[in-house]
PDB file of N, CA and C in Angstrom:
ATOM      1  N   MET A   1       0.830  -1.191   0.000  1.00  0.00           N
ATOM      2  CA  MET A   1       0.000   0.000   0.000  1.00  0.00           C
ATOM      3  C   MET A   1       0.876   1.258   0.000  1.00  0.00           C
ATOM      4  N   ALA A   2       1.873   1.278   0.875  1.00  0.00           N
ATOM      5  CA  ALA A   2       2.758   2.437   0.959  1.00  0.00           C
ATOM      6  C   ALA A   2       3.546   2.613  -0.338  1.00  0.00           C
ATOM      7  N   GLU A   3       3.915   1.482  -0.948  1.00  0.00           N
ATOM      8  CA  GLU A   3       4.674   1.557  -2.195  1.00  0.00           C
ATOM      9  C   GLU A   3       3.827   2.178  -3.312  1.00  0.00           C
ATOM     10  N   SER A   4       2.566   1.775  -3.411  1.00  0.00           N
ATOM     11  CA  SER A   4       1.701   2.346  -4.447  1.00  0.00           C
ATOM     12  C   SER A   4       1.428   3.826  -4.180  1.00  0.00           C
ATOM     13  N   GLN A   5       1.348   4.205  -2.907  1.00  0.00           N
ATOM     14  CA  GLN A   5       1.175   5.620  -2.579  1.00  0.00           C
ATOM     15  C   GLN A   5       2.396   6.430  -2.996  1.00  0.00           C
ATOM     16  N   ASP A   6       3.582   5.855  -2.792  1.00  0.00           N
ATOM     17  CA  ASP A   6       4.806   6.541  -3.205  1.00  0.00           C
ATOM     18  C   ASP A   6       4.856   6.719  -4.725  1.00  0.00           C
ATOM     19  N   VAL A   7       4.439   5.682  -5.463  1.00  0.00           N
ATOM     20  CA  VAL A   7       4.427   5.765  -6.923  1.00  0.00           C
ATOM     21  C   VAL A   7       3.440   6.840  -7.375  1.00  0.00           C
ATOM     22  N   GLN A   8       2.257   6.866  -6.771  1.00  0.00           N
ATOM     23  CA  GLN A   8       1.263   7.879  -7.125  1.00  0.00           C
ATOM     24  C   GLN A   8       1.759   9.281  -6.800  1.00  0.00           C
ATOM     25  N   LYS A   9       2.455   9.429  -5.666  1.00  0.00           N
ATOM     26  CA  LYS A   9       2.989  10.735  -5.286  1.00  0.00           C
ATOM     27  C   LYS A   9       4.047  11.190  -6.284  1.00  0.00           C
ATOM     28  N   GLU A  10       4.923  10.292  -6.705  1.00  0.00           N
ATOM     29  CA  GLU A  10       5.950  10.643  -7.688  1.00  0.00           C
ATOM     30  C   GLU A  10       5.323  11.081  -9.007  1.00  0.00           C
ATOM     31  N   GLN A  11       4.286  10.367  -9.449  1.00  0.00           N
ATOM     32  CA  GLN A  11       3.629  10.730 -10.701  1.00  0.00           C
ATOM     33  C   GLN A  11       2.915  12.074 -10.585  1.00  0.00           C
ATOM     34  N   ALA A  12       2.279  12.315  -9.455  1.00  0.00           N
ATOM     35  CA  ALA A  12       1.582  13.588  -9.257  1.00  0.00           C
ATOM     36  C   ALA A  12       2.571  14.744  -9.165  1.00  0.00           C
ATOM     37  N   ASP A  13       3.696  14.520  -8.501  1.00  0.00           N
ATOM     38  CA  ASP A  13       4.701  15.575  -8.381  1.00  0.00           C
ATOM     39  C   ASP A  13       5.356  15.873  -9.727  1.00  0.00           C
ATOM     40  N   ALA A  14       5.536  14.850 -10.555  1.00  0.00           N
ATOM     41  CA  ALA A  14       6.154  15.061 -11.861  1.00  0.00           C
ATOM     42  C   ALA A  14       5.230  15.863 -12.770  1.00  0.00           C
ATOM     43  N   ARG A  15       3.944  15.594 -12.680  1.00  0.00           N
ATOM     44  CA  ARG A  15       2.984  16.299 -13.531  1.00  0.00           C
ATOM     45  C   ARG A  15       2.719  17.698 -13.017  1.00  0.00           C
ATOM     46  N   GLY A  16       2.596  17.835 -11.726  1.00  0.00           N
ATOM     47  CA  GLY A  16       2.376  19.150 -11.131  1.00  0.00           C
ATOM     48  C   GLY A  16       0.959  19.640 -11.307  1.00  0.00           C
ATOM     49  N   ARG A  17       0.723  20.848 -10.892  1.00  0.00           N
ATOM     50  CA  ARG A  17      -0.587  21.469 -11.014  1.00  0.00           C
ATOM     51  C   ARG A  17      -0.491  22.587 -12.038  1.00  0.00           C
ATOM     52  N   GLY A  18      -1.601  22.876 -12.689  1.00  0.00           N
ATOM     53  CA  GLY A  18      -1.621  23.867 -13.757  1.00  0.00           C
ATOM     54  C   GLY A  18      -1.442  25.293 -13.287  1.00  0.00           C
ATOM     55  N   ASN A  19      -2.126  25.663 -12.213  1.00  0.00           N
ATOM     56  CA  ASN A  19      -2.099  27.055 -11.771  1.00  0.00           C
ATOM     57  C   ASN A  19      -1.749  27.102 -10.300  1.00  0.00           C
ATOM     58  N   LEU A  20      -0.573  27.513  -9.982  1.00  0.00           N
ATOM     59  CA  LEU A  20      -0.201  27.726  -8.591  1.00  0.00           C
ATOM     60  C   LEU A  20       0.302  29.153  -8.433  1.00  0.00           C
ATOM     61  N   TRP A  21      -0.551  30.098  -8.805  1.00  0.00           N
ATOM     62  CA  TRP A  21      -0.232  31.502  -8.631  1.00  0.00           C
ATOM     63  C   TRP A  21      -0.168  31.817  -7.150  1.00  0.00           C
ATOM     64  N   SER A  22       0.463  32.913  -6.835  1.00  0.00           N
ATOM     65  CA  SER A  22       0.472  33.419  -5.472  1.00  0.00           C
ATOM     66  C   SER A  22       0.046  34.878  -5.532  1.00  0.00           C
ATOM     67  N   PHE A  23      -0.994  35.216  -4.784  1.00  0.00           N
ATOM     68  CA  PHE A  23      -1.550  36.558  -4.804  1.00  0.00           C
ATOM     69  C   PHE A  23      -1.421  37.194  -3.431  1.00  0.00           C
ATOM     70  N   GLU A  24      -1.161  38.473  -3.422  1.00  0.00           N
ATOM     71  CA  GLU A  24      -1.088  39.234  -2.182  1.00  0.00           C
ATOM     72  C   GLU A  24      -2.467  39.786  -1.840  1.00  0.00           C
ATOM     73  N   VAL A  25      -2.656  40.153  -0.583  1.00  0.00           N
ATOM     74  CA  VAL A  25      -3.912  40.760  -0.146  1.00  0.00           C
ATOM     75  C   VAL A  25      -4.080  42.096  -0.862  1.00  0.00           C
ATOM     76  N   GLY A  26      -5.272  42.344  -1.393  1.00  0.00           N
ATOM     77  CA  GLY A  26      -5.552  43.562  -2.135  1.00  0.00           C
ATOM     78  C   GLY A  26      -5.360  43.419  -3.632  1.00  0.00           C
ATOM     79  N   TYR A  27      -4.748  42.328  -4.082  1.00  0.00           N
ATOM     80  CA  TYR A  27      -4.501  42.090  -5.499  1.00  0.00           C
ATOM     81  C   TYR A  27      -5.825  41.787  -6.192  1.00  0.00           C
ATOM     82  N   LYS A  28      -5.986  42.234  -7.440  1.00  0.00           N
ATOM     83  CA  LYS A  28      -7.205  41.989  -8.212  1.00  0.00           C
ATOM     84  C   LYS A  28      -7.063  40.680  -8.985  1.00  0.00           C
ATOM     85  N   VAL A  29      -8.110  39.840  -8.917  1.00  0.00           N
ATOM     86  CA  VAL A  29      -8.099  38.551  -9.598  1.00  0.00           C
ATOM     87  C   VAL A  29      -9.419  38.335 -10.326  1.00  0.00           C
ATOM     88  N   LEU A  30      -9.393  37.400 -11.282  1.00  0.00           N
ATOM     89  CA  LEU A  30     -10.591  36.965 -11.992  1.00  0.00           C
ATOM     90  C   LEU A  30     -10.957  35.571 -11.503  1.00  0.00           C
ATOM     91  N   LEU A  31     -12.242  35.277 -11.419  1.00  0.00           N
ATOM     92  CA  LEU A  31     -12.743  34.018 -10.885  1.00  0.00           C
ATOM     93  C   LEU A  31     -13.339  33.179 -12.009  1.00  0.00           C
ATOM     94  N   ASN A  32     -13.004  31.885 -12.032  1.00  0.00           N
ATOM     95  CA  ASN A  32     -13.539  30.966 -13.030  1.00  0.00           C
ATOM     96  C   ASN A  32     -15.043  30.837 -12.832  1.00  0.00           C
ATOM     97  N   ALA A  33     -15.826  31.139 -13.858  1.00  0.00           N
ATOM     98  CA  ALA A  33     -17.286  31.154 -13.743  1.00  0.00           C
ATOM     99  C   ALA A  33     -17.897  29.761 -13.786  1.00  0.00           C
ATOM    100  N   LYS A  34     -17.157  28.753 -14.210  1.00  0.00           N
ATOM    101  CA  LYS A  34     -17.707  27.401 -14.292  1.00  0.00           C
ATOM    102  C   LYS A  34     -17.994  26.808 -12.919  1.00  0.00           C
ATOM    103  N   THR A  35     -17.234  27.184 -11.926  1.00  0.00           N
ATOM    104  CA  THR A  35     -17.387  26.587 -10.605  1.00  0.00           C
ATOM    105  C   THR A  35     -18.320  27.374  -9.697  1.00  0.00           C
ATOM    106  N   VAL A  36     -18.744  28.519 -10.144  1.00  0.00           N
ATOM    107  CA  VAL A  36     -19.629  29.363  -9.348  1.00  0.00           C
ATOM    108  C   VAL A  36     -21.073  29.005  -9.708  1.00  0.00           C
ATOM    109  N   PRO A  37     -21.986  28.924  -8.732  1.00  0.00           N
ATOM    110  CA  PRO A  37     -23.384  28.612  -9.052  1.00  0.00           C
ATOM    111  C   PRO A  37     -23.978  29.603 -10.053  1.00  0.00           C
ATOM    112  N   THR A  38     -24.930  29.123 -10.843  1.00  0.00           N
ATOM    113  CA  THR A  38     -25.527  29.939 -11.897  1.00  0.00           C
ATOM    114  C   THR A  38     -26.173  31.195 -11.347  1.00  0.00           C
ATOM    115  N   HIS A  39     -26.843  31.087 -10.196  1.00  0.00           N
ATOM    116  CA  HIS A  39     -27.497  32.275  -9.636  1.00  0.00           C
ATOM    117  C   HIS A  39     -26.481  33.340  -9.252  1.00  0.00           C
ATOM    118  N   ALA A  40     -25.277  32.920  -8.874  1.00  0.00           N
ATOM    119  CA  ALA A  40     -24.251  33.889  -8.494  1.00  0.00           C
ATOM    120  C   ALA A  40     -23.694  34.600  -9.720  1.00  0.00           C
ATOM    121  N   VAL A  41     -23.510  33.863 -10.815  1.00  0.00           N
ATOM    122  CA  VAL A  41     -22.978  34.472 -12.032  1.00  0.00           C
ATOM    123  C   VAL A  41     -24.022  35.373 -12.668  1.00  0.00           C
ATOM    124  N   SER A  42     -25.291  34.963 -12.630  1.00  0.00           N
ATOM    125  CA  SER A  42     -26.335  35.787 -13.231  1.00  0.00           C
ATOM    126  C   SER A  42     -26.523  37.087 -12.469  1.00  0.00           C
ATOM    127  N   ALA A  43     -26.057  37.143 -11.232  1.00  0.00           N
ATOM    128  CA  ALA A  43     -26.106  38.397 -10.485  1.00  0.00           C
ATOM    129  C   ALA A  43     -25.108  39.394 -11.050  1.00  0.00           C
ATOM    130  N   VAL A  44     -24.073  38.891 -11.733  1.00  0.00           N
ATOM    131  CA  VAL A  44     -23.048  39.749 -12.310  1.00  0.00           C
ATOM    132  C   VAL A  44     -23.227  39.863 -13.825  1.00  0.00           C
ATOM    133  N   PHE A  45     -23.501  38.743 -14.499  1.00  0.00           N
ATOM    134  CA  PHE A  45     -23.654  38.693 -15.954  1.00  0.00           C
ATOM    135  C   PHE A  45     -24.887  37.878 -16.317  1.00  0.00           C
ATOM    136  N   LYS A  46     -25.344  38.013 -17.538  1.00  0.00           N
ATOM    137  CA  LYS A  46     -26.392  37.139 -18.047  1.00  0.00           C
ATOM    138  C   LYS A  46     -25.803  35.749 -18.231  1.00  0.00           C
ATOM    139  N   THR A  47     -26.608  34.703 -18.058  1.00  0.00           N
ATOM    140  CA  THR A  47     -26.059  33.351 -18.069  1.00  0.00           C
ATOM    141  C   THR A  47     -25.823  32.789 -19.465  1.00  0.00           C
ATOM    142  N   LYS A  48     -26.542  33.251 -20.475  1.00  0.00           N
ATOM    143  CA  LYS A  48     -26.412  32.636 -21.787  1.00  0.00           C
ATOM    144  C   LYS A  48     -25.035  32.871 -22.406  1.00  0.00           C
ATOM    145  N   LEU A  49     -24.569  34.079 -22.367  1.00  0.00           N
ATOM    146  CA  LEU A  49     -23.281  34.410 -22.979  1.00  0.00           C
ATOM    147  C   LEU A  49     -22.292  34.898 -21.934  1.00  0.00           C
ATOM    148  N   ARG A  50     -22.256  34.220 -20.821  1.00  0.00           N
ATOM    149  CA  ARG A  50     -21.373  34.664 -19.746  1.00  0.00           C
ATOM    150  C   ARG A  50     -19.912  34.375 -20.098  1.00  0.00           C
ATOM    151  N   PRO A  51     -19.010  35.183 -19.596  1.00  0.00           N
ATOM    152  CA  PRO A  51     -17.584  34.958 -19.860  1.00  0.00           C
ATOM    153  C   PRO A  51     -17.052  33.790 -19.031  1.00  0.00           C
ATOM    154  N   ARG A  52     -15.878  33.308 -19.381  1.00  0.00           N
ATOM    155  CA  ARG A  52     -15.268  32.216 -18.621  1.00  0.00           C
ATOM    156  C   ARG A  52     -14.827  32.669 -17.240  1.00  0.00           C
ATOM    157  N   PHE A  53     -14.330  33.879 -17.165  1.00  0.00           N
ATOM    158  CA  PHE A  53     -13.877  34.420 -15.889  1.00  0.00           C
ATOM    159  C   PHE A  53     -14.663  35.684 -15.586  1.00  0.00           C
ATOM    160  N   ILE A  54     -15.026  35.864 -14.324  1.00  0.00           N
ATOM    161  CA  ILE A  54     -15.755  37.053 -13.903  1.00  0.00           C
ATOM    162  C   ILE A  54     -14.902  37.821 -12.911  1.00  0.00           C
ATOM    163  N   GLY A  55     -15.158  39.092 -12.820  1.00  0.00           N
ATOM    164  CA  GLY A  55     -14.402  39.901 -11.880  1.00  0.00           C
ATOM    165  C   GLY A  55     -14.068  41.235 -12.485  1.00  0.00           C
ATOM    166  N   PRO A  56     -13.136  41.944 -11.984  1.00  0.00           N
ATOM    167  CA  PRO A  56     -12.130  41.578 -10.990  1.00  0.00           C
ATOM    168  C   PRO A  56     -12.663  41.694  -9.565  1.00  0.00           C
ATOM    169  N   PHE A  57     -12.103  40.865  -8.703  1.00  0.00           N
ATOM    170  CA  PHE A  57     -12.407  40.885  -7.285  1.00  0.00           C
ATOM    171  C   PHE A  57     -11.097  41.030  -6.523  1.00  0.00           C
ATOM    172  N   ALA A  58     -11.155  41.696  -5.396  1.00  0.00           N
ATOM    173  CA  ALA A  58      -9.957  41.901  -4.580  1.00  0.00           C
ATOM    174  C   ALA A  58      -9.751  40.717  -3.642  1.00  0.00           C
ATOM    175  N   VAL A  59      -8.491  40.337  -3.445  1.00  0.00           N
ATOM    176  CA  VAL A  59      -8.145  39.290  -2.484  1.00  0.00           C
ATOM    177  C   VAL A  59      -8.191  39.898  -1.091  1.00  0.00           C
ATOM    178  N   VAL A  60      -8.936  39.240  -0.186  1.00  0.00           N
ATOM    179  CA  VAL A  60      -9.074  39.743   1.181  1.00  0.00           C
ATOM    180  C   VAL A  60      -8.135  38.999   2.124  1.00  0.00           C
ATOM    181  N   VAL A  61      -8.135  37.653   2.030  1.00  0.00           N
ATOM    182  CA  VAL A  61      -7.332  36.826   2.934  1.00  0.00           C
ATOM    183  C   VAL A  61      -6.770  35.653   2.141  1.00  0.00           C
ATOM    184  N   LYS A  62      -5.531  35.254   2.480  1.00  0.00           N
ATOM    185  CA  LYS A  62      -4.931  34.059   1.905  1.00  0.00           C
ATOM    186  C   LYS A  62      -4.843  33.004   3.003  1.00  0.00           C
ATOM    187  N   ILE A  63      -5.398  31.801   2.723  1.00  0.00           N
ATOM    188  CA  ILE A  63      -5.362  30.698   3.682  1.00  0.00           C
ATOM    189  C   ILE A  63      -4.814  29.480   2.946  1.00  0.00           C
ATOM    190  N   GLY A  64      -3.526  29.221   3.057  1.00  0.00           N
ATOM    191  CA  GLY A  64      -2.920  28.108   2.341  1.00  0.00           C
ATOM    192  C   GLY A  64      -3.008  28.331   0.846  1.00  0.00           C
ATOM    193  N   LEU A  65      -3.683  27.410   0.141  1.00  0.00           N
ATOM    194  CA  LEU A  65      -3.883  27.548  -1.301  1.00  0.00           C
ATOM    195  C   LEU A  65      -5.256  28.115  -1.631  1.00  0.00           C
ATOM    196  N   ALA A  66      -5.980  28.570  -0.622  1.00  0.00           N
ATOM    197  CA  ALA A  66      -7.309  29.152  -0.819  1.00  0.00           C
ATOM    198  C   ALA A  66      -7.245  30.654  -0.587  1.00  0.00           C
ATOM    199  N   TYR A  67      -8.113  31.370  -1.297  1.00  0.00           N
ATOM    200  CA  TYR A  67      -8.165  32.825  -1.188  1.00  0.00           C
ATOM    201  C   TYR A  67      -9.599  33.263  -0.935  1.00  0.00           C
ATOM    202  N   THR A  68      -9.765  34.197  -0.003  1.00  0.00           N
ATOM    203  CA  THR A  68     -11.064  34.809   0.234  1.00  0.00           C
ATOM    204  C   THR A  68     -11.140  36.056  -0.627  1.00  0.00           C
ATOM    205  N   LEU A  69     -12.202  36.142  -1.438  1.00  0.00           N
ATOM    206  CA  LEU A  69     -12.369  37.261  -2.353  1.00  0.00           C
ATOM    207  C   LEU A  69     -13.468  38.186  -1.865  1.00  0.00           C
ATOM    208  N   ASN A  70     -13.372  39.434  -2.239  1.00  0.00           N
ATOM    209  CA  ASN A  70     -14.371  40.435  -1.885  1.00  0.00           C
ATOM    210  C   ASN A  70     -15.476  40.399  -2.947  1.00  0.00           C
ATOM    211  N   LEU A  71     -16.431  39.472  -2.769  1.00  0.00           N
ATOM    212  CA  LEU A  71     -17.523  39.300  -3.727  1.00  0.00           C
ATOM    213  C   LEU A  71     -18.683  40.219  -3.376  1.00  0.00           C
ATOM    214  N   PRO A  72     -19.468  40.637  -4.380  1.00  0.00           N
ATOM    215  CA  PRO A  72     -20.663  41.430  -4.085  1.00  0.00           C
ATOM    216  C   PRO A  72     -21.683  40.581  -3.315  1.00  0.00           C
ATOM    217  N   LEU A  73     -22.464  41.207  -2.461  1.00  0.00           N
ATOM    218  CA  LEU A  73     -23.438  40.483  -1.650  1.00  0.00           C
ATOM    219  C   LEU A  73     -24.520  39.823  -2.492  1.00  0.00           C
ATOM    220  N   ASN A  74     -24.851  40.390  -3.652  1.00  0.00           N
ATOM    221  CA  ASN A  74     -25.912  39.803  -4.466  1.00  0.00           C
ATOM    222  C   ASN A  74     -25.491  38.496  -5.142  1.00  0.00           C
ATOM    223  N   MET A  75     -24.217  38.117  -5.067  1.00  0.00           N
ATOM    224  CA  MET A  75     -23.787  36.828  -5.607  1.00  0.00           C
ATOM    225  C   MET A  75     -24.212  35.678  -4.694  1.00  0.00           C
ATOM    226  N   ARG A  76     -24.384  35.921  -3.416  1.00  0.00           N
ATOM    227  CA  ARG A  76     -24.857  34.934  -2.442  1.00  0.00           C
ATOM    228  C   ARG A  76     -24.113  33.604  -2.554  1.00  0.00           C
ATOM    229  N   THR A  77     -22.807  33.636  -2.534  1.00  0.00           N
ATOM    230  CA  THR A  77     -22.011  32.415  -2.581  1.00  0.00           C
ATOM    231  C   THR A  77     -20.831  32.545  -1.629  1.00  0.00           C
ATOM    232  N   HIS A  78     -20.261  31.407  -1.256  1.00  0.00           N
ATOM    233  CA  HIS A  78     -19.135  31.393  -0.328  1.00  0.00           C
ATOM    234  C   HIS A  78     -17.925  32.059  -0.987  1.00  0.00           C
ATOM    235  N   PRO A  79     -17.234  32.959  -0.305  1.00  0.00           N
ATOM    236  CA  PRO A  79     -16.184  33.754  -0.951  1.00  0.00           C
ATOM    237  C   PRO A  79     -14.790  33.131  -0.973  1.00  0.00           C
ATOM    238  N   VAL A  80     -14.628  31.867  -0.541  1.00  0.00           N
ATOM    239  CA  VAL A  80     -13.300  31.251  -0.492  1.00  0.00           C
ATOM    240  C   VAL A  80     -13.143  30.309  -1.680  1.00  0.00           C
ATOM    241  N   PHE A  81     -12.024  30.477  -2.433  1.00  0.00           N
ATOM    242  CA  PHE A  81     -11.798  29.692  -3.642  1.00  0.00           C
ATOM    243  C   PHE A  81     -10.359  29.200  -3.686  1.00  0.00           C
ATOM    244  N   TYR A  82     -10.181  28.019  -4.279  1.00  0.00           N
ATOM    245  CA  TYR A  82      -8.863  27.429  -4.490  1.00  0.00           C
ATOM    246  C   TYR A  82      -8.103  28.244  -5.534  1.00  0.00           C
ATOM    247  N   VAL A  83      -6.794  28.294  -5.412  1.00  0.00           N
ATOM    248  CA  VAL A  83      -5.953  29.101  -6.293  1.00  0.00           C
ATOM    249  C   VAL A  83      -6.088  28.679  -7.758  1.00  0.00           C
ATOM    250  N   GLY A  84      -6.425  27.429  -8.021  1.00  0.00           N
ATOM    251  CA  GLY A  84      -6.590  26.956  -9.393  1.00  0.00           C
ATOM    252  C   GLY A  84      -7.808  27.536 -10.091  1.00  0.00           C
ATOM    253  N   LEU A  85      -8.718  28.152  -9.333  1.00  0.00           N
ATOM    254  CA  LEU A  85      -9.940  28.708  -9.909  1.00  0.00           C
ATOM    255  C   LEU A  85      -9.845  30.199 -10.170  1.00  0.00           C
ATOM    256  N   ILE A  86      -8.718  30.800  -9.843  1.00  0.00           N
ATOM    257  CA  ILE A  86      -8.565  32.236 -10.055  1.00  0.00           C
ATOM    258  C   ILE A  86      -7.320  32.501 -10.892  1.00  0.00           C
ATOM    259  N   LYS A  87      -7.317  33.654 -11.542  1.00  0.00           N
ATOM    260  CA  LYS A  87      -6.141  34.055 -12.312  1.00  0.00           C
ATOM    261  C   LYS A  87      -5.960  35.557 -12.142  1.00  0.00           C
ATOM    262  N   PRO A  88      -4.763  36.061 -12.377  1.00  0.00           N
ATOM    263  CA  PRO A  88      -4.520  37.492 -12.162  1.00  0.00           C
ATOM    264  C   PRO A  88      -5.294  38.356 -13.146  1.00  0.00           C
ATOM    265  N   TYR A  89      -5.723  39.503 -12.673  1.00  0.00           N
ATOM    266  CA  TYR A  89      -6.442  40.473 -13.498  1.00  0.00           C
ATOM    267  C   TYR A  89      -5.439  41.434 -14.098  1.00  0.00           C
ATOM    268  N   ARG A  90      -5.545  41.643 -15.398  1.00  0.00           N
ATOM    269  CA  ARG A  90      -4.690  42.614 -16.085  1.00  0.00           C
ATOM    270  C   ARG A  90      -5.579  43.735 -16.578  1.00  0.00           C
ATOM    271  N   ASP A  91      -5.308  44.933 -16.119  1.00  0.00           N
ATOM    272  CA  ASP A  91      -6.099  46.093 -16.509  1.00  0.00           C
ATOM    273  C   ASP A  91      -5.927  46.336 -18.004  1.00  0.00           C
ATOM    274  N   PRO A  92      -7.019  46.385 -18.782  1.00  0.00           N
ATOM    275  CA  PRO A  92      -6.890  46.564 -20.232  1.00  0.00           C
ATOM    276  C   PRO A  92      -6.252  47.883 -20.629  1.00  0.00           C
ATOM    277  N   SER A  93      -6.337  48.895 -19.774  1.00  0.00           N
ATOM    278  CA  SER A  93      -5.718  50.176 -20.115  1.00  0.00           C
ATOM    279  C   SER A  93      -4.197  50.116 -19.998  1.00  0.00           C
ATOM    280  N   CYS A  94      -3.676  49.101 -19.309  1.00  0.00           N
ATOM    281  CA  CYS A  94      -2.228  48.970 -19.133  1.00  0.00           C
ATOM    282  C   CYS A  94      -1.588  48.048 -20.168  1.00  0.00           C
ATOM    283  N   VAL A  95      -2.378  47.442 -21.036  1.00  0.00           N
ATOM    284  CA  VAL A  95      -1.839  46.532 -22.039  1.00  0.00           C
ATOM    285  C   VAL A  95      -1.255  47.352 -23.175  1.00  0.00           C
ATOM    286  N   SER A  96      -0.002  47.072 -23.515  1.00  0.00           N
ATOM    287  CA  SER A  96       0.640  47.812 -24.597  1.00  0.00           C
ATOM    288  C   SER A  96       0.226  47.222 -25.940  1.00  0.00           C
ATOM    289  N   SER A  97       0.375  48.008 -26.973  1.00  0.00           N
ATOM    290  CA  SER A  97       0.008  47.539 -28.309  1.00  0.00           C
ATOM    291  C   SER A  97       0.949  46.438 -28.786  1.00  0.00           C
ATOM    292  N   GLU A  98       2.143  46.343 -28.213  1.00  0.00           N
ATOM    293  CA  GLU A  98       3.081  45.297 -28.599  1.00  0.00           C
ATOM    294  C   GLU A  98       2.617  43.934 -28.115  1.00  0.00           C
ATOM    295  N   GLU A  99       1.858  43.898 -27.006  1.00  0.00           N
ATOM    296  CA  GLU A  99       1.372  42.632 -26.481  1.00  0.00           C
ATOM    297  C   GLU A  99       0.177  42.113 -27.264  1.00  0.00           C
ATOM    298  N   LEU A 100      -0.490  42.974 -27.988  1.00  0.00           N
ATOM    299  CA  LEU A 100      -1.625  42.552 -28.783  1.00  0.00           C
ATOM    300  C   LEU A 100      -1.138  41.818 -30.022  1.00  0.00           C
ATOM    301  N   ALA A 101      -1.995  41.034 -30.617  1.00  0.00           N
ATOM    302  CA  ALA A 101      -1.621  40.294 -31.821  1.00  0.00           C
ATOM    303  C   ALA A 101      -1.371  41.277 -32.958  1.00  0.00           C
ATOM    304  N   PRO A 102      -0.303  41.082 -33.700  1.00  0.00           N
ATOM    305  CA  PRO A 102      -0.027  41.999 -34.808  1.00  0.00           C
ATOM    306  C   PRO A 102      -1.072  41.848 -35.905  1.00  0.00           C
ATOM    307  N   ALA A 103      -1.356  42.946 -36.577  1.00  0.00           N
ATOM    308  CA  ALA A 103      -2.320  42.929 -37.675  1.00  0.00           C
ATOM    309  C   ALA A 103      -1.701  42.238 -38.878  1.00  0.00           C
ATOM    310  N   LYS A 104      -2.534  41.551 -39.620  1.00  0.00           N
ATOM    311  CA  LYS A 104      -2.033  40.875 -40.818  1.00  0.00           C
ATOM    312  C   LYS A 104      -1.777  41.906 -41.901  1.00  0.00           C
ATOM    313  N   ASN A 105      -0.625  41.824 -42.507  1.00  0.00           N
ATOM    314  CA  ASN A 105      -0.261  42.741 -43.590  1.00  0.00           C
ATOM    315  C   ASN A 105      -0.492  42.043 -44.926  1.00  0.00           C
ATOM    316  N   THR A 106      -1.739  41.770 -45.219  1.00  0.00           N
ATOM    317  CA  THR A 106      -2.047  41.113 -46.484  1.00  0.00           C
ATOM    318  C   THR A 106      -2.498  42.162 -47.481  1.00  0.00           C
ATOM    319  N   PRO A 107      -1.937  42.143 -48.662  1.00  0.00           N
ATOM    320  CA  PRO A 107      -2.385  43.112 -49.672  1.00  0.00           C
ATOM    321  C   PRO A 107      -3.815  42.788 -50.085  1.00  0.00           C
ATOM    322  N   GLU A 108      -4.535  43.813 -50.447  1.00  0.00           N
ATOM    323  CA  GLU A 108      -5.919  43.613 -50.867  1.00  0.00           C
ATOM    324  C   GLU A 108      -5.940  42.812 -52.159  1.00  0.00           C
ATOM    325  N   ALA A 109      -6.935  41.982 -52.275  1.00  0.00           N
ATOM    326  CA  ALA A 109      -7.057  41.150 -53.476  1.00  0.00           C
ATOM    327  C   ALA A 109      -7.343  42.042 -54.674  1.00  0.00           C
ATOM    328  N   VAL A 110      -6.567  41.855 -55.687  1.00  0.00           N
ATOM    329  CA  VAL A 110      -6.717  42.655 -56.901  1.00  0.00           C
ATOM    330  C   VAL A 110      -7.269  41.747 -57.985  1.00  0.00           C
ATOM    331  N   ASP A 111      -8.322  42.189 -58.630  1.00  0.00           N
ATOM    332  CA  ASP A 111      -8.938  41.414 -59.694  1.00  0.00           C
ATOM    333  C   ASP A 111      -8.102  41.585 -60.959  1.00  0.00           C
ATOM    334  N   THR A 112      -7.308  40.566 -61.284  1.00  0.00           N
ATOM    335  CA  THR A 112      -6.434  40.659 -62.450  1.00  0.00           C
ATOM    336  C   THR A 112      -7.102  40.129 -63.705  1.00  0.00           C
ATOM    337  N   GLU A 113      -8.160  39.340 -63.560  1.00  0.00           N
ATOM    338  CA  GLU A 113      -8.842  38.793 -64.727  1.00  0.00           C
ATOM    339  C   GLU A 113     -10.063  39.647 -65.036  1.00  0.00           C
ATOM    340  N   PRO A 114     -10.120  40.228 -66.250  1.00  0.00           N
ATOM    341  CA  PRO A 114     -11.276  41.059 -66.589  1.00  0.00           C
ATOM    342  C   PRO A 114     -12.530  40.204 -66.764  1.00  0.00           C
ATOM    343  N   GLY A 115     -13.660  40.740 -66.359  1.00  0.00           N
ATOM    344  CA  GLY A 115     -14.936  40.071 -66.528  1.00  0.00           C
ATOM    345  C   GLY A 115     -15.244  39.036 -65.465  1.00  0.00           C
ATOM    346  N   ARG A 116     -14.382  38.843 -64.523  1.00  0.00           N
ATOM    347  CA  ARG A 116     -14.617  37.856 -63.475  1.00  0.00           C
ATOM    348  C   ARG A 116     -14.936  38.567 -62.171  1.00  0.00           C
ATOM    349  N   ARG A 117     -15.971  38.158 -61.526  1.00  0.00           N
ATOM    350  CA  ARG A 117     -16.350  38.790 -60.262  1.00  0.00           C
ATOM    351  C   ARG A 117     -16.496  37.788 -59.194  1.00  0.00           C
TER     352      ARG A 117
END
């Protein structure tokens, strides 16, 4: 039993976890909308075309790998979430044009054959 646990631990450690961000208190984060109840998301957005992440919300307390977020009262949900369910918020006004995808420099199509449309 202990041997199989050791093998499982080695495999889990080799693979790792996808998101192990570390956030400070007061930092703005986005919350994964898939894990939040529908009534809580609809308090912020419409449910049909809701985004994947909602927010930004401020981090209030860090407890191990869980974070308490400053959620609006109308969301009516527990405010503590695992670090894998949140990601850092980047203010769109601070994004430089170099970080955006470059525009395609394709020449306009020129009709070289007469009479063809």
